[in-house]
Amino acid sequence: MCYGLDKWSVWWVGNWLTGHTLRVVVNSSFSNWQPVTSGVPQGSILGSTLFNIFINDLDDGIKCTLMKFADDTKLSGEVDTLEGRATLQEDLDKLEEWTNKTLMKFNKDKCKVLHLGKHNPGVQHRLGSTWLESSSVERDLVVPVDKKFNMSK
């Protein structure tokens, strides 16, 4: 049993994913049916469930706060001390290790650092060998949040 799934459930999911076909429709023109060789249909309940099972261990060993919502992940921590900065970087290193283990990569171009608070030193952080860009405003579930924690539409 893996991730709490018994053999029957694993068989059922495998059976559901096997033998599916798809086609593309553009302006009432249809492509030929093609076999689905990988992935899970987007927006499906099964697809969302499988994705959540797959990323379930993402926060194992993480000391800072890790928030997961659909395919959006946010890591936050206090960085006003050397220890806090080191802990945040260690957690970023653990996330990079997870991506190497699972072969599921973060889109590092979308990974940004939002420095909150008056006394935030604005330290740079990296994910693997990539230095993360700082941002003055980031969206949190569609609502923009700036470095002063102002929220607007």
C-alpha atoms as a PDB file:
ATOM      1  CA  MET A   1       0.000   0.000   0.000  1.00  0.00           C
ATOM      2  CA  CYS A   2       1.390   3.429  -1.003  1.00  0.00           C
ATOM      3  CA  TYR A   3      -0.022   6.825   0.078  1.00  0.00           C
ATOM      4  CA  GLY A   4      -2.821   4.983   1.863  1.00  0.00           C
ATOM      5  CA  LEU A   5      -4.153   3.383  -1.337  1.00  0.00           C
ATOM      6  CA  ASP A   6      -4.876  -0.333  -1.348  1.00  0.00           C
ATOM      7  CA  LYS A   7      -4.052  -2.566  -4.342  1.00  0.00           C
ATOM      8  CA  TRP A   8      -7.611  -2.373  -5.676  1.00  0.00           C
ATOM      9  CA  SER A   9      -7.557   1.457  -5.727  1.00  0.00           C
ATOM     10  CA  VAL A  10      -4.190   1.508  -7.491  1.00  0.00           C
ATOM     11  CA  TRP A  11      -5.543  -0.995 -10.057  1.00  0.00           C
ATOM     12  CA  TRP A  12      -8.695   1.118 -10.562  1.00  0.00           C
ATOM     13  CA  VAL A  13      -6.701   4.318 -11.186  1.00  0.00           C
ATOM     14  CA  GLY A  14      -4.355   2.488 -13.567  1.00  0.00           C
ATOM     15  CA  ASN A  15      -7.311   0.976 -15.402  1.00  0.00           C
ATOM     16  CA  TRP A  16      -9.004   4.369 -15.669  1.00  0.00           C
ATOM     17  CA  LEU A  17      -5.862   5.914 -17.170  1.00  0.00           C
ATOM     18  CA  THR A  18      -5.326   3.071 -19.660  1.00  0.00           C
ATOM     19  CA  GLY A  19      -6.890   3.101 -23.098  1.00  0.00           C
ATOM     20  CA  HIS A  20      -8.126   6.708 -23.170  1.00  0.00           C
ATOM     21  CA  THR A  21      -8.083   8.726 -26.377  1.00  0.00           C
ATOM     22  CA  LEU A  22      -8.486  12.414 -27.118  1.00  0.00           C
ATOM     23  CA  ARG A  23      -8.883  14.822 -30.000  1.00  0.00           C
ATOM     24  CA  VAL A  24      -8.626  18.576 -30.436  1.00  0.00           C
ATOM     25  CA  VAL A  25     -11.460  20.795 -31.694  1.00  0.00           C
ATOM     26  CA  VAL A  26     -10.708  24.222 -33.195  1.00  0.00           C
ATOM     27  CA  ASN A  27     -13.474  26.277 -34.841  1.00  0.00           C
ATOM     28  CA  SER A  28     -15.626  23.174 -35.419  1.00  0.00           C
ATOM     29  CA  SER A  29     -12.710  21.280 -37.018  1.00  0.00           C
ATOM     30  CA  PHE A  30     -11.816  17.992 -35.337  1.00  0.00           C
ATOM     31  CA  SER A  31      -8.442  16.274 -35.233  1.00  0.00           C
ATOM     32  CA  ASN A  32      -8.133  12.475 -35.402  1.00  0.00           C
ATOM     33  CA  TRP A  33      -8.498  10.548 -32.138  1.00  0.00           C
ATOM     34  CA  GLN A  34      -5.116   9.866 -30.541  1.00  0.00           C
ATOM     35  CA  PRO A  35      -4.191   7.634 -27.573  1.00  0.00           C
ATOM     36  CA  VAL A  36      -3.381   9.408 -24.300  1.00  0.00           C
ATOM     37  CA  THR A  37       0.114   8.239 -23.390  1.00  0.00           C
ATOM     38  CA  SER A  38       0.721  10.282 -20.237  1.00  0.00           C
ATOM     39  CA  GLY A  39      -0.826  12.742 -17.834  1.00  0.00           C
ATOM     40  CA  VAL A  40      -4.283  13.119 -16.361  1.00  0.00           C
ATOM     41  CA  PRO A  41      -7.120  15.169 -17.873  1.00  0.00           C
ATOM     42  CA  GLN A  42      -6.966  18.718 -16.526  1.00  0.00           C
ATOM     43  CA  GLY A  43      -9.812  19.825 -14.339  1.00  0.00           C
ATOM     44  CA  SER A  44     -10.912  16.285 -13.545  1.00  0.00           C
ATOM     45  CA  ILE A  45     -11.608  15.312  -9.956  1.00  0.00           C
ATOM     46  CA  LEU A  46      -9.398  12.256 -10.389  1.00  0.00           C
ATOM     47  CA  GLY A  47      -6.614  14.418 -11.830  1.00  0.00           C
ATOM     48  CA  SER A  48      -6.786  16.822  -8.880  1.00  0.00           C
ATOM     49  CA  THR A  49      -6.846  13.926  -6.426  1.00  0.00           C
ATOM     50  CA  LEU A  50      -3.845  12.242  -8.033  1.00  0.00           C
ATOM     51  CA  PHE A  51      -1.937  15.547  -8.088  1.00  0.00           C
ATOM     52  CA  ASN A  52      -2.642  16.092  -4.374  1.00  0.00           C
ATOM     53  CA  ILE A  53      -1.524  12.552  -3.566  1.00  0.00           C
ATOM     54  CA  PHE A  54       1.630  13.107  -5.602  1.00  0.00           C
ATOM     55  CA  ILE A  55       2.623  16.337  -3.803  1.00  0.00           C
ATOM     56  CA  ASN A  56       1.467  15.129  -0.378  1.00  0.00           C
ATOM     57  CA  ASP A  57       5.051  14.754   0.911  1.00  0.00           C
ATOM     58  CA  LEU A  58       6.259  18.122  -0.444  1.00  0.00           C
ATOM     59  CA  ASP A  59       6.295  19.636   3.056  1.00  0.00           C
ATOM     60  CA  ASP A  60       8.074  16.724   4.789  1.00  0.00           C
ATOM     61  CA  GLY A  61      10.908  18.167   6.879  1.00  0.00           C
ATOM     62  CA  ILE A  62      10.015  21.788   6.063  1.00  0.00           C
ATOM     63  CA  LYS A  63      10.394  24.090   9.090  1.00  0.00           C
ATOM     64  CA  CYS A  64       8.949  27.287   7.614  1.00  0.00           C
ATOM     65  CA  THR A  65       5.318  27.685   6.579  1.00  0.00           C
ATOM     66  CA  LEU A  66       4.499  25.949   3.293  1.00  0.00           C
ATOM     67  CA  MET A  67       1.111  26.625   1.707  1.00  0.00           C
ATOM     68  CA  LYS A  68      -0.208  24.491  -1.152  1.00  0.00           C
ATOM     69  CA  PHE A  69      -3.253  25.384  -3.201  1.00  0.00           C
ATOM     70  CA  ALA A  70      -3.828  23.522  -6.455  1.00  0.00           C
ATOM     71  CA  ASP A  71      -0.551  24.048  -8.353  1.00  0.00           C
ATOM     72  CA  ASP A  72       0.457  27.123  -6.337  1.00  0.00           C
ATOM     73  CA  THR A  73       3.054  26.742  -3.575  1.00  0.00           C
ATOM     74  CA  LYS A  74       4.215  29.445  -1.167  1.00  0.00           C
ATOM     75  CA  LEU A  75       7.029  29.183   1.372  1.00  0.00           C
ATOM     76  CA  SER A  76       7.262  31.831   4.069  1.00  0.00           C
ATOM     77  CA  GLY A  77       9.401  32.399   7.119  1.00  0.00           C
ATOM     78  CA  GLU A  78      10.841  35.039   9.404  1.00  0.00           C
ATOM     79  CA  VAL A  79      14.175  36.304   8.111  1.00  0.00           C
ATOM     80  CA  ASP A  80      15.004  39.012  10.651  1.00  0.00           C
ATOM     81  CA  THR A  81      17.736  36.786  12.149  1.00  0.00           C
ATOM     82  CA  LEU A  82      20.624  34.847  10.609  1.00  0.00           C
ATOM     83  CA  GLU A  83      19.011  31.646  11.884  1.00  0.00           C
ATOM     84  CA  GLY A  84      15.696  32.506  10.205  1.00  0.00           C
ATOM     85  CA  ARG A  85      17.408  33.250   6.893  1.00  0.00           C
ATOM     86  CA  ALA A  86      19.357  29.979   7.098  1.00  0.00           C
ATOM     87  CA  THR A  87      16.181  28.002   7.878  1.00  0.00           C
ATOM     88  CA  LEU A  88      14.357  29.494   4.886  1.00  0.00           C
ATOM     89  CA  GLN A  89      17.276  28.641   2.591  1.00  0.00           C
ATOM     90  CA  GLU A  90      17.481  25.093   4.014  1.00  0.00           C
ATOM     91  CA  ASP A  91      13.779  24.661   3.237  1.00  0.00           C
ATOM     92  CA  LEU A  92      14.314  25.918  -0.321  1.00  0.00           C
ATOM     93  CA  ASP A  93      17.113  23.350  -0.625  1.00  0.00           C
ATOM     94  CA  LYS A  94      14.726  20.616   0.614  1.00  0.00           C
ATOM     95  CA  LEU A  95      12.156  21.660  -1.982  1.00  0.00           C
ATOM     96  CA  GLU A  96      14.824  21.402  -4.692  1.00  0.00           C
ATOM     97  CA  GLU A  97      15.771  17.918  -3.399  1.00  0.00           C
ATOM     98  CA  TRP A  98      12.081  16.936  -3.611  1.00  0.00           C
ATOM     99  CA  THR A  99      11.938  18.055  -7.249  1.00  0.00           C
ATOM    100  CA  ASN A 100      15.002  15.968  -8.069  1.00  0.00           C
ATOM    101  CA  LYS A 101      13.523  12.927  -6.310  1.00  0.00           C
ATOM    102  CA  THR A 102      10.074  13.191  -7.916  1.00  0.00           C
ATOM    103  CA  LEU A 103      11.188  14.573 -11.304  1.00  0.00           C
ATOM    104  CA  MET A 104       8.553  17.291 -10.906  1.00  0.00           C
ATOM    105  CA  LYS A 105      10.131  20.712 -11.338  1.00  0.00           C
ATOM    106  CA  PHE A 106       9.073  24.140 -10.139  1.00  0.00           C
ATOM    107  CA  ASN A 107       8.767  26.809 -12.827  1.00  0.00           C
ATOM    108  CA  LYS A 108      11.658  28.860 -11.456  1.00  0.00           C
ATOM    109  CA  ASP A 109      10.777  31.804 -13.715  1.00  0.00           C
ATOM    110  CA  LYS A 110       7.575  32.147 -11.684  1.00  0.00           C
ATOM    111  CA  CYS A 111       9.287  31.739  -8.288  1.00  0.00           C
ATOM    112  CA  LYS A 112       9.622  35.172  -6.673  1.00  0.00           C
ATOM    113  CA  VAL A 113      10.588  36.561  -3.275  1.00  0.00           C
ATOM    114  CA  LEU A 114       8.315  39.121  -1.641  1.00  0.00           C
ATOM    115  CA  HIS A 115      10.109  40.875   1.218  1.00  0.00           C
ATOM    116  CA  LEU A 116       7.513  41.827   3.850  1.00  0.00           C
ATOM    117  CA  GLY A 117       7.978  44.146   6.823  1.00  0.00           C
ATOM    118  CA  LYS A 118       9.893  47.329   7.608  1.00  0.00           C
ATOM    119  CA  HIS A 119      12.937  45.535   8.993  1.00  0.00           C
ATOM    120  CA  ASN A 120      13.188  42.849   6.341  1.00  0.00           C
ATOM    121  CA  PRO A 121      16.834  42.807   5.186  1.00  0.00           C
ATOM    122  CA  GLY A 122      15.889  41.833   1.605  1.00  0.00           C
ATOM    123  CA  VAL A 123      18.266  38.877   1.466  1.00  0.00           C
ATOM    124  CA  GLN A 124      18.456  36.970  -1.814  1.00  0.00           C
ATOM    125  CA  HIS A 125      17.508  33.285  -1.837  1.00  0.00           C
ATOM    126  CA  ARG A 126      18.017  30.524  -4.361  1.00  0.00           C
ATOM    127  CA  LEU A 127      16.157  27.424  -5.475  1.00  0.00           C
ATOM    128  CA  GLY A 128      18.836  24.982  -6.520  1.00  0.00           C
ATOM    129  CA  SER A 129      21.388  27.007  -8.462  1.00  0.00           C
ATOM    130  CA  THR A 130      18.832  29.635  -9.534  1.00  0.00           C
ATOM    131  CA  TRP A 131      18.795  32.931  -7.642  1.00  0.00           C
ATOM    132  CA  LEU A 132      15.198  33.988  -7.096  1.00  0.00           C
ATOM    133  CA  GLU A 133      14.055  37.374  -8.326  1.00  0.00           C
ATOM    134  CA  SER A 134      12.562  39.842  -5.840  1.00  0.00           C
ATOM    135  CA  SER A 135       9.120  41.257  -6.498  1.00  0.00           C
ATOM    136  CA  SER A 136       7.305  44.271  -5.052  1.00  0.00           C
ATOM    137  CA  VAL A 137       3.824  42.758  -5.621  1.00  0.00           C
ATOM    138  CA  GLU A 138       2.644  39.150  -5.901  1.00  0.00           C
ATOM    139  CA  ARG A 139      -0.805  37.667  -6.361  1.00  0.00           C
ATOM    140  CA  ASP A 140      -2.207  35.420  -3.656  1.00  0.00           C
ATOM    141  CA  LEU A 141      -5.262  33.613  -5.045  1.00  0.00           C
ATOM    142  CA  VAL A 142      -5.802  36.452  -7.549  1.00  0.00           C
ATOM    143  CA  VAL A 143      -5.515  39.251  -4.925  1.00  0.00           C
ATOM    144  CA  PRO A 144      -2.342  41.363  -5.330  1.00  0.00           C
ATOM    145  CA  VAL A 145      -0.270  41.731  -2.145  1.00  0.00           C
ATOM    146  CA  ASP A 146       2.616  44.204  -1.984  1.00  0.00           C
ATOM    147  CA  LYS A 147       5.654  44.329   0.299  1.00  0.00           C
ATOM    148  CA  LYS A 148       3.748  46.558   2.767  1.00  0.00           C
ATOM    149  CA  PHE A 149       1.027  43.884   2.878  1.00  0.00           C
ATOM    150  CA  ASN A 150      -1.456  46.145   1.107  1.00  0.00           C
ATOM    151  CA  MET A 151      -4.120  44.226  -0.807  1.00  0.00           C
ATOM    152  CA  SER A 152      -6.066  45.612  -3.720  1.00  0.00           C
ATOM    153  CA  LYS A 153      -8.143  44.324  -6.609  1.00  0.00           C
END
